[in-house]
C-alpha cells in the first residue's frame, strides 16, 4: 500500500492533474465467482465458462460492478491516505460508463485524475476524480467514472 503522499492543501494544487495509477490486479474466475456470490448475480456469462465460451466474448467476463467496486483499493495504491484526514467515504458518482467487458483472466488497474477539490463545509472536502479502469493490452478501458469522495478532516 502507498504511504501518505498528499495533504488537502497539496491536493488543491493538483486539480487538473493525474494523481496516480494503481498496480495491476488479476480478474480470475474465483474473483468473478466470488463477486457473483456476494451480489447474487449468477448470470451465466460470469459464472459458466462452458456456456460463456459459445458467446461473442469467448469465455466468462467480470460483472461491470466488479471493477467499479475496486476503485477504493486502486485509489489507495495510486494515491494513498490523505494526511490530516480522519477518514474518506464514497460520496457517489456523477457518471459511470462501462465501455468494455473485462474477460476473465485479465489484469486491470485504476488511473485517477483530480477534477476538483472543494471544501463543502468545515472539516469536509469533496474530491471529484475522473477514474478510469484500464484493461492490460486493450485500448478501450473497462470503465470511466466521475467518482466523488468525501474527506473528513480531523483525528
Protein backbone atom coordinates (compact mmCIF):
# COMPACT_ATOMS: atom_id res chain seq x y z
CA UNK A 1 0.00 0.00 0.00
CA UNK A 2 1.17 3.52 -0.77
CA UNK A 3 2.17 5.72 2.14
CA UNK A 4 0.67 9.17 2.63
CA UNK A 5 1.67 11.37 -0.28
CA UNK A 6 -0.78 14.26 -0.20
CA UNK A 7 -2.41 16.73 2.14
CA UNK A 8 -5.63 18.66 1.48
CA UNK A 9 -3.59 21.76 0.58
CA UNK A 10 -1.42 19.67 -1.70
CA UNK A 11 -4.47 18.23 -3.44
CA UNK A 12 -5.89 21.70 -4.14
CA UNK A 13 -2.74 22.43 -6.14
CA UNK A 14 -3.17 19.21 -8.17
CA UNK A 15 -6.60 19.93 -9.64
CA UNK A 16 -6.45 19.08 -13.34
CA UNK A 17 -3.56 16.64 -12.90
CA UNK A 18 -3.22 12.90 -12.62
CA UNK A 19 -2.91 11.70 -9.02
CA UNK A 20 -1.60 8.25 -9.80
CA UNK A 21 -2.02 4.79 -11.23
CA UNK A 22 -2.54 1.59 -9.23
CA UNK A 23 -0.89 -1.78 -9.56
CA UNK A 24 -2.37 -4.38 -11.90
CA UNK A 25 -4.93 -6.79 -10.39
CA UNK A 26 -5.92 -10.17 -11.80
CA UNK A 27 -9.60 -10.71 -12.50
CA UNK A 28 -9.67 -14.51 -12.40
CA UNK A 29 -12.64 -16.86 -12.26
CA UNK A 30 -12.54 -17.26 -8.45
CA UNK A 31 -12.77 -13.45 -8.08
CA UNK A 32 -15.66 -13.24 -10.58
CA UNK A 33 -17.48 -16.20 -8.99
CA UNK A 34 -16.95 -14.74 -5.51
CA UNK A 35 -18.41 -11.44 -6.68
CA UNK A 36 -21.41 -13.37 -8.05
CA UNK A 37 -21.89 -14.97 -4.61
CA UNK A 38 -21.79 -11.62 -2.82
CA UNK A 39 -24.09 -9.83 -5.27
CA UNK A 40 -26.33 -12.82 -6.08
CA UNK A 41 -25.84 -12.13 -9.79
CA UNK A 42 -25.31 -15.58 -11.30
CA UNK A 43 -25.82 -14.71 -14.97
CA UNK A 44 -24.09 -17.47 -16.94
CA UNK A 45 -21.77 -15.06 -18.77
CA UNK A 46 -19.99 -14.55 -15.42
CA UNK A 47 -20.03 -17.99 -13.84
CA UNK A 48 -20.39 -20.70 -16.51
CA UNK A 49 -17.21 -20.98 -18.62
CA UNK A 50 -18.72 -23.64 -20.94
CA UNK A 51 -21.82 -21.65 -21.86
CA UNK A 52 -19.87 -18.38 -21.95
CA UNK A 53 -17.39 -19.89 -24.45
CA UNK A 54 -20.22 -20.00 -27.01
CA UNK A 55 -20.87 -16.25 -26.74
CA UNK A 56 -19.13 -13.49 -28.71
CA UNK A 57 -16.91 -12.96 -25.62
CA UNK A 58 -15.45 -16.46 -25.96
CA UNK A 59 -15.49 -17.00 -22.20
CA UNK A 60 -16.66 -15.54 -18.94
CA UNK A 61 -16.45 -11.82 -18.21
CA UNK A 62 -16.45 -9.85 -14.98
CA UNK A 63 -19.60 -8.15 -13.76
CA UNK A 64 -19.42 -4.45 -14.63
CA UNK A 65 -19.72 -3.58 -10.96
CA UNK A 66 -16.68 -5.69 -10.03
CA UNK A 67 -14.02 -3.29 -11.42
CA UNK A 68 -16.12 -0.35 -10.21
CA UNK A 69 -16.07 -1.80 -6.69
CA UNK A 70 -12.27 -2.00 -6.84
CA UNK A 71 -11.84 1.78 -7.15
CA UNK A 72 -11.15 2.04 -3.41
CA UNK A 73 -8.19 -0.36 -3.48
CA UNK A 74 -6.92 1.21 -6.71
CA UNK A 75 -7.11 4.66 -5.08
CA UNK A 76 -5.16 3.52 -2.01
CA UNK A 77 -2.42 2.07 -4.21
CA UNK A 78 -2.30 5.04 -6.60
CA UNK A 79 -2.74 7.91 -4.16
CA UNK A 80 -2.51 6.64 -0.58
CA UNK A 81 -4.03 8.12 2.53
CA UNK A 82 -4.51 11.87 2.61
CA UNK A 83 -2.69 13.41 5.58
CA UNK A 84 -4.82 15.32 8.05
CA UNK A 85 -7.98 13.35 7.29
CA UNK A 86 -9.82 11.16 9.75
CA UNK A 87 -11.48 9.13 7.01
CA UNK A 88 -12.67 9.12 3.46
CA UNK A 89 -16.09 7.97 2.28
CA UNK A 90 -17.71 7.20 -1.04
CA UNK A 91 -19.98 10.12 -1.86
CA UNK A 92 -21.27 8.89 -5.20
CA UNK A 93 -20.75 9.22 -8.91
CA UNK A 94 -21.68 11.98 -11.31
CA UNK A 95 -21.38 9.44 -14.11
CA UNK A 96 -20.30 5.87 -14.77
CA UNK A 97 -19.84 4.37 -18.21
CA UNK A 98 -18.99 0.71 -18.79
CA UNK A 99 -17.04 0.82 -22.05
CA UNK A 100 -15.50 -2.62 -22.49
CA UNK A 101 -16.09 -6.04 -20.91
CA UNK A 102 -13.35 -7.46 -18.71
CA UNK A 103 -12.57 -11.01 -19.85
CA UNK A 104 -11.81 -13.40 -17.02
CA UNK A 105 -8.05 -13.74 -16.75
CA UNK A 106 -7.43 -10.04 -17.49
CA UNK A 107 -5.34 -7.62 -15.48
CA UNK A 108 -6.96 -4.30 -14.55
CA UNK A 109 -5.76 -1.13 -12.83
CA UNK A 110 -7.09 2.28 -11.83
CA UNK A 111 -5.98 5.72 -13.01
CA UNK A 112 -7.12 8.90 -11.24
CA UNK A 113 -7.27 12.48 -12.50
CA UNK A 114 -8.29 15.09 -9.90
CA UNK A 115 -11.01 17.31 -11.36
CA UNK A 116 -11.95 19.21 -8.21
CA UNK A 117 -11.07 19.50 -4.52
CA UNK A 118 -13.64 21.68 -2.78
CA UNK A 119 -14.44 22.44 0.83
CA UNK A 120 -18.15 21.77 1.35
CA UNK A 121 -18.22 22.92 4.96
CA UNK A 122 -15.84 22.97 7.90
CA UNK A 123 -13.92 19.69 8.09
CA UNK A 124 -15.43 18.27 4.87
CA UNK A 125 -13.70 18.23 1.50
CA UNK A 126 -15.13 16.68 -1.65
CA UNK A 127 -12.85 15.24 -4.30
CA UNK A 128 -14.14 14.77 -7.83
CA UNK A 129 -11.98 12.42 -9.87
CA UNK A 130 -12.06 11.07 -13.39
CA UNK A 131 -11.47 7.42 -12.55
CA UNK A 132 -10.52 5.05 -15.33
CA UNK A 133 -10.20 1.27 -15.03
CA UNK A 134 -7.83 0.05 -17.70
CA UNK A 135 -7.52 -3.49 -19.07
CA UNK A 136 -3.97 -4.57 -19.82
CA UNK A 137 -3.39 -4.76 -23.58
CA UNK A 138 -6.69 -3.08 -24.51
CA UNK A 139 -7.15 0.43 -25.90
CA UNK A 140 -10.68 0.84 -24.56
CA UNK A 141 -10.93 0.96 -20.76
CA UNK A 142 -13.36 -1.19 -18.82
CA UNK A 143 -15.00 1.91 -17.39
CA UNK A 144 -14.72 5.63 -16.87
CA UNK A 145 -16.43 7.24 -13.88
CA UNK A 146 -16.59 10.66 -12.29
CA UNK A 147 -16.15 9.47 -8.69
CA UNK A 148 -16.90 11.67 -5.70
CA UNK A 149 -15.10 11.05 -2.42
CA UNK A 150 -15.73 12.92 0.83
CA UNK A 151 -12.74 13.56 3.08
CA UNK A 152 -13.41 14.27 6.75
CA UNK A 153 -10.61 16.33 8.27
CA UNK A 154 -9.52 15.66 11.84
CA UNK A 155 -8.11 12.93 14.05
